[in-house]
Amino acid sequence: MNDVKSQPQATTRERLIGLIRQILGQAGGARPMPIDARLSDLGMSSIKMVKLMLAIEVEFNLAIPQTDITPENFESIASVEAMLNRLGESARGV
């Protein structure tokens, strides 16, 4: 299992795609991960989506507020990345 955290230069998107690939397992393999593709179309089930939320909280050292756990925020890689950027800015007080 690759440790995405060991890559300090990894971008938020790269780290997020790494988490998604880990959770999808062989289904995620080497297939392309278009950032605007629906996560459900990539093979993300509701159980795997919960695992993704928990993995994001650990990987990015944050708690996703209940109000941000919406289908819109977890529709695609791009929507999750946008949510993470908003949460990161909030944490930094930007």
PDB file of N, CA and C in Angstrom:
ATOM      1  N   MET A   1       0.841  -1.178   0.000  1.00  0.00           N
ATOM      2  CA  MET A   1       0.000   0.000   0.000  1.00  0.00           C
ATOM      3  C   MET A   1       0.886   1.241   0.000  1.00  0.00           C
ATOM      4  N   ASN A   2       0.654   2.152  -0.926  1.00  0.00           N
ATOM      5  CA  ASN A   2       1.437   3.379  -0.989  1.00  0.00           C
ATOM      6  C   ASN A   2       1.035   4.313   0.137  1.00  0.00           C
ATOM      7  N   ASP A   3       2.017   4.920   0.743  1.00  0.00           N
ATOM      8  CA  ASP A   3       1.744   5.899   1.781  1.00  0.00           C
ATOM      9  C   ASP A   3       1.791   7.267   1.121  1.00  0.00           C
ATOM     10  N   VAL A   4       0.616   7.807   0.824  1.00  0.00           N
ATOM     11  CA  VAL A   4       0.534   9.076   0.121  1.00  0.00           C
ATOM     12  C   VAL A   4       1.166  10.188   0.954  1.00  0.00           C
ATOM     13  N   LYS A   5       1.099  10.083   2.290  1.00  0.00           N
ATOM     14  CA  LYS A   5       1.665  11.119   3.150  1.00  0.00           C
ATOM     15  C   LYS A   5       3.176  11.230   3.017  1.00  0.00           C
ATOM     16  N   SER A   6       3.836  10.171   2.563  1.00  0.00           N
ATOM     17  CA  SER A   6       5.295  10.201   2.460  1.00  0.00           C
ATOM     18  C   SER A   6       5.759  11.073   1.296  1.00  0.00           C
ATOM     19  N   GLN A   7       4.823  11.608   0.521  1.00  0.00           N
ATOM     20  CA  GLN A   7       5.150  12.466  -0.608  1.00  0.00           C
ATOM     21  C   GLN A   7       4.778  13.906  -0.240  1.00  0.00           C
ATOM     22  N   PRO A   8       5.688  14.635   0.431  1.00  0.00           N
ATOM     23  CA  PRO A   8       5.332  15.973   0.913  1.00  0.00           C
ATOM     24  C   PRO A   8       4.985  16.938  -0.217  1.00  0.00           C
ATOM     25  N   GLN A   9       5.508  16.692  -1.421  1.00  0.00           N
ATOM     26  CA  GLN A   9       5.236  17.590  -2.531  1.00  0.00           C
ATOM     27  C   GLN A   9       3.929  17.245  -3.244  1.00  0.00           C
ATOM     28  N   ALA A  10       3.246  16.197  -2.824  1.00  0.00           N
ATOM     29  CA  ALA A  10       1.993  15.802  -3.463  1.00  0.00           C
ATOM     30  C   ALA A  10       0.940  16.892  -3.258  1.00  0.00           C
ATOM     31  N   THR A  11       0.229  17.196  -4.321  1.00  0.00           N
ATOM     32  CA  THR A  11      -0.832  18.202  -4.236  1.00  0.00           C
ATOM     33  C   THR A  11      -2.061  17.601  -3.575  1.00  0.00           C
ATOM     34  N   THR A  12      -2.981  18.448  -3.213  1.00  0.00           N
ATOM     35  CA  THR A  12      -4.244  17.984  -2.648  1.00  0.00           C
ATOM     36  C   THR A  12      -4.897  17.001  -3.615  1.00  0.00           C
ATOM     37  N   ARG A  13      -4.907  17.327  -4.899  1.00  0.00           N
ATOM     38  CA  ARG A  13      -5.538  16.461  -5.890  1.00  0.00           C
ATOM     39  C   ARG A  13      -4.846  15.105  -5.965  1.00  0.00           C
ATOM     40  N   GLU A  14      -3.524  15.104  -5.974  1.00  0.00           N
ATOM     41  CA  GLU A  14      -2.779  13.837  -6.039  1.00  0.00           C
ATOM     42  C   GLU A  14      -3.058  12.972  -4.806  1.00  0.00           C
ATOM     43  N   ARG A  15      -3.083  13.609  -3.649  1.00  0.00           N
ATOM     44  CA  ARG A  15      -3.360  12.873  -2.415  1.00  0.00           C
ATOM     45  C   ARG A  15      -4.781  12.310  -2.442  1.00  0.00           C
ATOM     46  N   LEU A  16      -5.728  13.113  -2.919  1.00  0.00           N
ATOM     47  CA  LEU A  16      -7.122  12.692  -3.002  1.00  0.00           C
ATOM     48  C   LEU A  16      -7.283  11.527  -3.983  1.00  0.00           C
ATOM     49  N   ILE A  17      -6.668  11.624  -5.147  1.00  0.00           N
ATOM     50  CA  ILE A  17      -6.739  10.539  -6.130  1.00  0.00           C
ATOM     51  C   ILE A  17      -6.105   9.269  -5.558  1.00  0.00           C
ATOM     52  N   GLY A  18      -5.018   9.415  -4.814  1.00  0.00           N
ATOM     53  CA  GLY A  18      -4.391   8.261  -4.164  1.00  0.00           C
ATOM     54  C   GLY A  18      -5.339   7.581  -3.194  1.00  0.00           C
ATOM     55  N   LEU A  19      -6.057   8.375  -2.406  1.00  0.00           N
ATOM     56  CA  LEU A  19      -7.030   7.804  -1.465  1.00  0.00           C
ATOM     57  C   LEU A  19      -8.143   7.076  -2.209  1.00  0.00           C
ATOM     58  N   ILE A  20      -8.637   7.696  -3.273  1.00  0.00           N
ATOM     59  CA  ILE A  20      -9.726   7.093  -4.046  1.00  0.00           C
ATOM     60  C   ILE A  20      -9.265   5.772  -4.654  1.00  0.00           C
ATOM     61  N   ARG A  21      -8.057   5.753  -5.199  1.00  0.00           N
ATOM     62  CA  ARG A  21      -7.522   4.511  -5.777  1.00  0.00           C
ATOM     63  C   ARG A  21      -7.401   3.420  -4.708  1.00  0.00           C
ATOM     64  N   GLN A  22      -6.934   3.786  -3.509  1.00  0.00           N
ATOM     65  CA  GLN A  22      -6.812   2.807  -2.416  1.00  0.00           C
ATOM     66  C   GLN A  22      -8.171   2.236  -2.055  1.00  0.00           C
ATOM     67  N   ILE A  23      -9.174   3.096  -1.950  1.00  0.00           N
ATOM     68  CA  ILE A  23     -10.502   2.653  -1.534  1.00  0.00           C
ATOM     69  C   ILE A  23     -11.176   1.825  -2.622  1.00  0.00           C
ATOM     70  N   LEU A  24     -10.971   2.200  -3.875  1.00  0.00           N
ATOM     71  CA  LEU A  24     -11.571   1.432  -4.977  1.00  0.00           C
ATOM     72  C   LEU A  24     -10.866   0.100  -5.184  1.00  0.00           C
ATOM     73  N   GLY A  25      -9.623  -0.007  -4.712  1.00  0.00           N
ATOM     74  CA  GLY A  25      -8.873  -1.250  -4.862  1.00  0.00           C
ATOM     75  C   GLY A  25      -8.624  -1.557  -6.323  1.00  0.00           C
ATOM     76  N   GLN A  26      -8.786  -2.812  -6.705  1.00  0.00           N
ATOM     77  CA  GLN A  26      -8.520  -3.211  -8.083  1.00  0.00           C
ATOM     78  C   GLN A  26      -9.440  -2.504  -9.061  1.00  0.00           C
ATOM     79  N   ALA A  27     -10.643  -2.149  -8.627  1.00  0.00           N
ATOM     80  CA  ALA A  27     -11.567  -1.447  -9.513  1.00  0.00           C
ATOM     81  C   ALA A  27     -10.999  -0.097  -9.932  1.00  0.00           C
ATOM     82  N   GLY A  28     -10.188   0.529  -9.056  1.00  0.00           N
ATOM     83  CA  GLY A  28      -9.589   1.819  -9.361  1.00  0.00           C
ATOM     84  C   GLY A  28      -8.300   1.689 -10.132  1.00  0.00           C
ATOM     85  N   GLY A  29      -7.592   0.603  -9.877  1.00  0.00           N
ATOM     86  CA  GLY A  29      -6.338   0.272 -10.546  1.00  0.00           C
ATOM     87  C   GLY A  29      -5.660   1.391 -11.303  1.00  0.00           C
ATOM     88  N   ALA A  30      -5.366   1.126 -12.549  1.00  0.00           N
ATOM     89  CA  ALA A  30      -4.653   2.091 -13.375  1.00  0.00           C
ATOM     90  C   ALA A  30      -5.596   2.850 -14.296  1.00  0.00           C
ATOM     91  N   ARG A  31      -6.892   2.709 -14.076  1.00  0.00           N
ATOM     92  CA  ARG A  31      -7.838   3.396 -14.956  1.00  0.00           C
ATOM     93  C   ARG A  31      -7.733   4.901 -14.783  1.00  0.00           C
ATOM     94  N   PRO A  32      -8.057   5.655 -15.824  1.00  0.00           N
ATOM     95  CA  PRO A  32      -8.014   7.115 -15.716  1.00  0.00           C
ATOM     96  C   PRO A  32      -9.003   7.608 -14.656  1.00  0.00           C
ATOM     97  N   MET A  33      -8.625   8.693 -13.997  1.00  0.00           N
ATOM     98  CA  MET A  33      -9.489   9.290 -12.978  1.00  0.00           C
ATOM     99  C   MET A  33      -9.793  10.730 -13.385  1.00  0.00           C
ATOM    100  N   PRO A  34     -10.724  10.925 -14.331  1.00  0.00           N
ATOM    101  CA  PRO A  34     -11.076  12.298 -14.710  1.00  0.00           C
ATOM    102  C   PRO A  34     -11.633  13.036 -13.499  1.00  0.00           C
ATOM    103  N   ILE A  35     -11.160  14.249 -13.264  1.00  0.00           N
ATOM    104  CA  ILE A  35     -11.567  14.947 -12.044  1.00  0.00           C
ATOM    105  C   ILE A  35     -13.038  15.317 -12.028  1.00  0.00           C
ATOM    106  N   ASP A  36     -13.669  15.367 -13.197  1.00  0.00           N
ATOM    107  CA  ASP A  36     -15.083  15.729 -13.235  1.00  0.00           C
ATOM    108  C   ASP A  36     -16.011  14.514 -13.361  1.00  0.00           C
ATOM    109  N   ALA A  37     -15.440  13.300 -13.382  1.00  0.00           N
ATOM    110  CA  ALA A  37     -16.266  12.085 -13.449  1.00  0.00           C
ATOM    111  C   ALA A  37     -16.956  11.862 -12.107  1.00  0.00           C
ATOM    112  N   ARG A  38     -18.173  11.373 -12.163  1.00  0.00           N
ATOM    113  CA  ARG A  38     -18.902  11.066 -10.925  1.00  0.00           C
ATOM    114  C   ARG A  38     -18.187   9.921 -10.215  1.00  0.00           C
ATOM    115  N   LEU A  39     -17.985  10.074  -8.913  1.00  0.00           N
ATOM    116  CA  LEU A  39     -17.313   9.022  -8.147  1.00  0.00           C
ATOM    117  C   LEU A  39     -18.087   7.710  -8.236  1.00  0.00           C
ATOM    118  N   SER A  40     -19.400   7.783  -8.286  1.00  0.00           N
ATOM    119  CA  SER A  40     -20.197   6.557  -8.405  1.00  0.00           C
ATOM    120  C   SER A  40     -19.914   5.859  -9.735  1.00  0.00           C
ATOM    121  N   ASP A  41     -19.650   6.625 -10.793  1.00  0.00           N
ATOM    122  CA  ASP A  41     -19.321   6.036 -12.091  1.00  0.00           C
ATOM    123  C   ASP A  41     -17.945   5.377 -12.077  1.00  0.00           C
ATOM    124  N   LEU A  42     -17.080   5.809 -11.165  1.00  0.00           N
ATOM    125  CA  LEU A  42     -15.750   5.218 -11.044  1.00  0.00           C
ATOM    126  C   LEU A  42     -15.783   3.935 -10.201  1.00  0.00           C
ATOM    127  N   GLY A  43     -16.937   3.649  -9.592  1.00  0.00           N
ATOM    128  CA  GLY A  43     -17.067   2.429  -8.796  1.00  0.00           C
ATOM    129  C   GLY A  43     -17.210   2.666  -7.300  1.00  0.00           C
ATOM    130  N   MET A  44     -17.410   3.918  -6.896  1.00  0.00           N
ATOM    131  CA  MET A  44     -17.518   4.257  -5.477  1.00  0.00           C
ATOM    132  C   MET A  44     -18.934   3.952  -4.982  1.00  0.00           C
ATOM    133  N   SER A  45     -19.056   2.958  -4.107  1.00  0.00           N
ATOM    134  CA  SER A  45     -20.342   2.614  -3.501  1.00  0.00           C
ATOM    135  C   SER A  45     -20.571   3.503  -2.278  1.00  0.00           C
ATOM    136  N   SER A  46     -21.740   3.392  -1.678  1.00  0.00           N
ATOM    137  CA  SER A  46     -22.025   4.213  -0.491  1.00  0.00           C
ATOM    138  C   SER A  46     -21.105   3.837   0.668  1.00  0.00           C
ATOM    139  N   ILE A  47     -20.803   2.554   0.815  1.00  0.00           N
ATOM    140  CA  ILE A  47     -19.885   2.115   1.882  1.00  0.00           C
ATOM    141  C   ILE A  47     -18.486   2.677   1.622  1.00  0.00           C
ATOM    142  N   LYS A  48     -18.040   2.593   0.385  1.00  0.00           N
ATOM    143  CA  LYS A  48     -16.717   3.121   0.039  1.00  0.00           C
ATOM    144  C   LYS A  48     -16.681   4.636   0.191  1.00  0.00           C
ATOM    145  N   MET A  49     -17.809   5.302  -0.032  1.00  0.00           N
ATOM    146  CA  MET A  49     -17.872   6.751   0.135  1.00  0.00           C
ATOM    147  C   MET A  49     -17.652   7.123   1.603  1.00  0.00           C
ATOM    148  N   VAL A  50     -18.218   6.341   2.511  1.00  0.00           N
ATOM    149  CA  VAL A  50     -18.005   6.584   3.946  1.00  0.00           C
ATOM    150  C   VAL A  50     -16.525   6.384   4.272  1.00  0.00           C
ATOM    151  N   LYS A  51     -15.925   5.324   3.713  1.00  0.00           N
ATOM    152  CA  LYS A  51     -14.493   5.090   3.925  1.00  0.00           C
ATOM    153  C   LYS A  51     -13.677   6.262   3.383  1.00  0.00           C
ATOM    154  N   LEU A  52     -14.098   6.800   2.248  1.00  0.00           N
ATOM    155  CA  LEU A  52     -13.394   7.949   1.668  1.00  0.00           C
ATOM    156  C   LEU A  52     -13.473   9.152   2.602  1.00  0.00           C
ATOM    157  N   MET A  53     -14.644   9.433   3.129  1.00  0.00           N
ATOM    158  CA  MET A  53     -14.794  10.569   4.051  1.00  0.00           C
ATOM    159  C   MET A  53     -13.871  10.422   5.253  1.00  0.00           C
ATOM    160  N   LEU A  54     -13.840   9.220   5.835  1.00  0.00           N
ATOM    161  CA  LEU A  54     -12.976   8.977   6.993  1.00  0.00           C
ATOM    162  C   LEU A  54     -11.500   9.088   6.609  1.00  0.00           C
ATOM    163  N   ALA A  55     -11.139   8.553   5.450  1.00  0.00           N
ATOM    164  CA  ALA A  55      -9.746   8.623   4.995  1.00  0.00           C
ATOM    165  C   ALA A  55      -9.322  10.066   4.728  1.00  0.00           C
ATOM    166  N   ILE A  56     -10.227  10.868   4.196  1.00  0.00           N
ATOM    167  CA  ILE A  56      -9.932  12.288   3.952  1.00  0.00           C
ATOM    168  C   ILE A  56      -9.654  12.993   5.274  1.00  0.00           C
ATOM    169  N   GLU A  57     -10.467  12.707   6.279  1.00  0.00           N
ATOM    170  CA  GLU A  57     -10.274  13.354   7.577  1.00  0.00           C
ATOM    171  C   GLU A  57      -8.901  13.009   8.156  1.00  0.00           C
ATOM    172  N   VAL A  58      -8.484  11.765   8.011  1.00  0.00           N
ATOM    173  CA  VAL A  58      -7.173  11.351   8.526  1.00  0.00           C
ATOM    174  C   VAL A  58      -6.056  11.949   7.675  1.00  0.00           C
ATOM    175  N   GLU A  59      -6.149  11.786   6.366  1.00  0.00           N
ATOM    176  CA  GLU A  59      -5.088  12.245   5.445  1.00  0.00           C
ATOM    177  C   GLU A  59      -4.845  13.745   5.551  1.00  0.00           C
ATOM    178  N   PHE A  60      -5.932  14.522   5.648  1.00  0.00           N
ATOM    179  CA  PHE A  60      -5.805  15.984   5.649  1.00  0.00           C
ATOM    180  C   PHE A  60      -5.914  16.576   7.045  1.00  0.00           C
ATOM    181  N   ASN A  61      -5.991  15.717   8.070  1.00  0.00           N
ATOM    182  CA  ASN A  61      -6.028  16.150   9.467  1.00  0.00           C
ATOM    183  C   ASN A  61      -7.105  17.204   9.704  1.00  0.00           C
ATOM    184  N   LEU A  62      -8.333  16.844   9.349  1.00  0.00           N
ATOM    185  CA  LEU A  62      -9.453  17.760   9.543  1.00  0.00           C
ATOM    186  C   LEU A  62     -10.714  16.965   9.808  1.00  0.00           C
ATOM    187  N   ALA A  63     -11.708  17.656  10.308  1.00  0.00           N
ATOM    188  CA  ALA A  63     -13.029  17.051  10.499  1.00  0.00           C
ATOM    189  C   ALA A  63     -13.964  17.699   9.488  1.00  0.00           C
ATOM    190  N   ILE A  64     -14.628  16.864   8.701  1.00  0.00           N
ATOM    191  CA  ILE A  64     -15.574  17.405   7.725  1.00  0.00           C
ATOM    192  C   ILE A  64     -16.858  17.738   8.484  1.00  0.00           C
ATOM    193  N   PRO A  65     -17.251  19.019   8.487  1.00  0.00           N
ATOM    194  CA  PRO A  65     -18.482  19.395   9.192  1.00  0.00           C
ATOM    195  C   PRO A  65     -19.686  18.661   8.602  1.00  0.00           C
ATOM    196  N   GLN A  66     -20.628  18.327   9.440  1.00  0.00           N
ATOM    197  CA  GLN A  66     -21.839  17.622   9.001  1.00  0.00           C
ATOM    198  C   GLN A  66     -22.502  18.353   7.836  1.00  0.00           C
ATOM    199  N   THR A  67     -22.497  19.672   7.870  1.00  0.00           N
ATOM    200  CA  THR A  67     -23.142  20.448   6.810  1.00  0.00           C
ATOM    201  C   THR A  67     -22.448  20.297   5.457  1.00  0.00           C
ATOM    202  N   ASP A  68     -21.190  19.851   5.465  1.00  0.00           N
ATOM    203  CA  ASP A  68     -20.460  19.662   4.208  1.00  0.00           C
ATOM    204  C   ASP A  68     -20.546  18.231   3.679  1.00  0.00           C
ATOM    205  N   ILE A  69     -21.179  17.341   4.430  1.00  0.00           N
ATOM    206  CA  ILE A  69     -21.334  15.957   3.963  1.00  0.00           C
ATOM    207  C   ILE A  69     -22.617  15.915   3.128  1.00  0.00           C
ATOM    208  N   THR A  70     -22.449  16.327   1.869  1.00  0.00           N
ATOM    209  CA  THR A  70     -23.577  16.401   0.938  1.00  0.00           C
ATOM    210  C   THR A  70     -23.223  15.664  -0.352  1.00  0.00           C
ATOM    211  N   PRO A  71     -24.236  15.215  -1.087  1.00  0.00           N
ATOM    212  CA  PRO A  71     -23.960  14.564  -2.374  1.00  0.00           C
ATOM    213  C   PRO A  71     -23.182  15.473  -3.323  1.00  0.00           C
ATOM    214  N   GLU A  72     -23.459  16.769  -3.285  1.00  0.00           N
ATOM    215  CA  GLU A  72     -22.768  17.711  -4.172  1.00  0.00           C
ATOM    216  C   GLU A  72     -21.273  17.776  -3.875  1.00  0.00           C
ATOM    217  N   ASN A  73     -20.896  17.751  -2.601  1.00  0.00           N
ATOM    218  CA  ASN A  73     -19.477  17.836  -2.226  1.00  0.00           C
ATOM    219  C   ASN A  73     -18.715  16.546  -2.514  1.00  0.00           C
ATOM    220  N   PHE A  74     -19.438  15.435  -2.676  1.00  0.00           N
ATOM    221  CA  PHE A  74     -18.798  14.144  -2.919  1.00  0.00           C
ATOM    222  C   PHE A  74     -19.218  13.547  -4.258  1.00  0.00           C
ATOM    223  N   GLU A  75     -19.544  14.430  -5.201  1.00  0.00           N
ATOM    224  CA  GLU A  75     -19.979  13.969  -6.523  1.00  0.00           C
ATOM    225  C   GLU A  75     -18.804  13.547  -7.403  1.00  0.00           C
ATOM    226  N   SER A  76     -17.707  14.306  -7.335  1.00  0.00           N
ATOM    227  CA  SER A  76     -16.551  14.058  -8.205  1.00  0.00           C
ATOM    228  C   SER A  76     -15.266  14.405  -7.457  1.00  0.00           C
ATOM    229  N   ILE A  77     -14.148  14.071  -8.081  1.00  0.00           N
ATOM    230  CA  ILE A  77     -12.855  14.448  -7.496  1.00  0.00           C
ATOM    231  C   ILE A  77     -12.786  15.965  -7.383  1.00  0.00           C
ATOM    232  N   ALA A  78     -13.252  16.664  -8.416  1.00  0.00           N
ATOM    233  CA  ALA A  78     -13.212  18.132  -8.416  1.00  0.00           C
ATOM    234  C   ALA A  78     -14.046  18.718  -7.279  1.00  0.00           C
ATOM    235  N   SER A  79     -15.232  18.159  -7.021  1.00  0.00           N
ATOM    236  CA  SER A  79     -16.079  18.707  -5.958  1.00  0.00           C
ATOM    237  C   SER A  79     -15.488  18.439  -4.579  1.00  0.00           C
ATOM    238  N   VAL A  80     -14.872  17.267  -4.395  1.00  0.00           N
ATOM    239  CA  VAL A  80     -14.226  16.970  -3.113  1.00  0.00           C
ATOM    240  C   VAL A  80     -13.020  17.895  -2.932  1.00  0.00           C
ATOM    241  N   GLU A  81     -12.257  18.083  -3.998  1.00  0.00           N
ATOM    242  CA  GLU A  81     -11.089  18.967  -3.925  1.00  0.00           C
ATOM    243  C   GLU A  81     -11.505  20.398  -3.579  1.00  0.00           C
ATOM    244  N   ALA A  82     -12.585  20.876  -4.184  1.00  0.00           N
ATOM    245  CA  ALA A  82     -13.079  22.225  -3.887  1.00  0.00           C
ATOM    246  C   ALA A  82     -13.487  22.343  -2.418  1.00  0.00           C
ATOM    247  N   MET A  83     -14.152  21.305  -1.897  1.00  0.00           N
ATOM    248  CA  MET A  83     -14.547  21.312  -0.485  1.00  0.00           C
ATOM    249  C   MET A  83     -13.301  21.346   0.406  1.00  0.00           C
ATOM    250  N   LEU A  84     -12.304  20.521   0.072  1.00  0.00           N
ATOM    251  CA  LEU A  84     -11.067  20.500   0.865  1.00  0.00           C
ATOM    252  C   LEU A  84     -10.380  21.856   0.843  1.00  0.00           C
ATOM    253  N   ASN A  85     -10.365  22.508  -0.307  1.00  0.00           N
ATOM    254  CA  ASN A  85      -9.753  23.843  -0.393  1.00  0.00           C
ATOM    255  C   ASN A  85     -10.498  24.844   0.485  1.00  0.00           C
ATOM    256  N   ARG A  86     -11.844  24.775   0.465  1.00  0.00           N
ATOM    257  CA  ARG A  86     -12.642  25.671   1.324  1.00  0.00           C
ATOM    258  C   ARG A  86     -12.352  25.394   2.794  1.00  0.00           C
ATOM    259  N   LEU A  87     -12.334  24.114   3.173  1.00  0.00           N
ATOM    260  CA  LEU A  87     -12.090  23.758   4.580  1.00  0.00           C
ATOM    261  C   LEU A  87     -10.678  24.167   4.999  1.00  0.00           C
ATOM    262  N   GLY A  88      -9.719  24.016   4.108  1.00  0.00           N
ATOM    263  CA  GLY A  88      -8.342  24.415   4.402  1.00  0.00           C
ATOM    264  C   GLY A  88      -8.232  25.910   4.616  1.00  0.00           C
ATOM    265  N   GLU A  89      -8.945  26.673   3.784  1.00  0.00           N
ATOM    266  CA  GLU A  89      -8.925  28.129   3.942  1.00  0.00           C
ATOM    267  C   GLU A  89      -9.572  28.537   5.249  1.00  0.00           C
ATOM    268  N   SER A  90     -10.660  27.875   5.618  1.00  0.00           N
ATOM    269  CA  SER A  90     -11.334  28.169   6.885  1.00  0.00           C
ATOM    270  C   SER A  90     -10.402  27.895   8.066  1.00  0.00           C
ATOM    271  N   ALA A  91      -9.677  26.777   7.986  1.00  0.00           N
ATOM    272  CA  ALA A  91      -8.773  26.397   9.079  1.00  0.00           C
ATOM    273  C   ALA A  91      -7.619  27.393   9.206  1.00  0.00           C
ATOM    274  N   ARG A  92      -7.210  27.948   8.073  1.00  0.00           N
ATOM    275  CA  ARG A  92      -6.101  28.931   8.104  1.00  0.00           C
ATOM    276  C   ARG A  92      -6.614  30.333   8.380  1.00  0.00           C
ATOM    277  N   GLY A  93      -7.936  30.514   8.436  1.00  0.00           N
ATOM    278  CA  GLY A  93      -8.491  31.821   8.708  1.00  0.00           C
ATOM    279  C   GLY A  93      -8.449  32.749   7.520  1.00  0.00           C
ATOM    280  N   VAL A  94      -8.445  32.178   6.321  1.00  0.00           N
ATOM    281  CA  VAL A  94      -8.389  32.996   5.096  1.00  0.00           C
ATOM    282  C   VAL A  94      -9.763  33.453   4.742  1.00  0.00           C
TER     283      VAL A  94
END
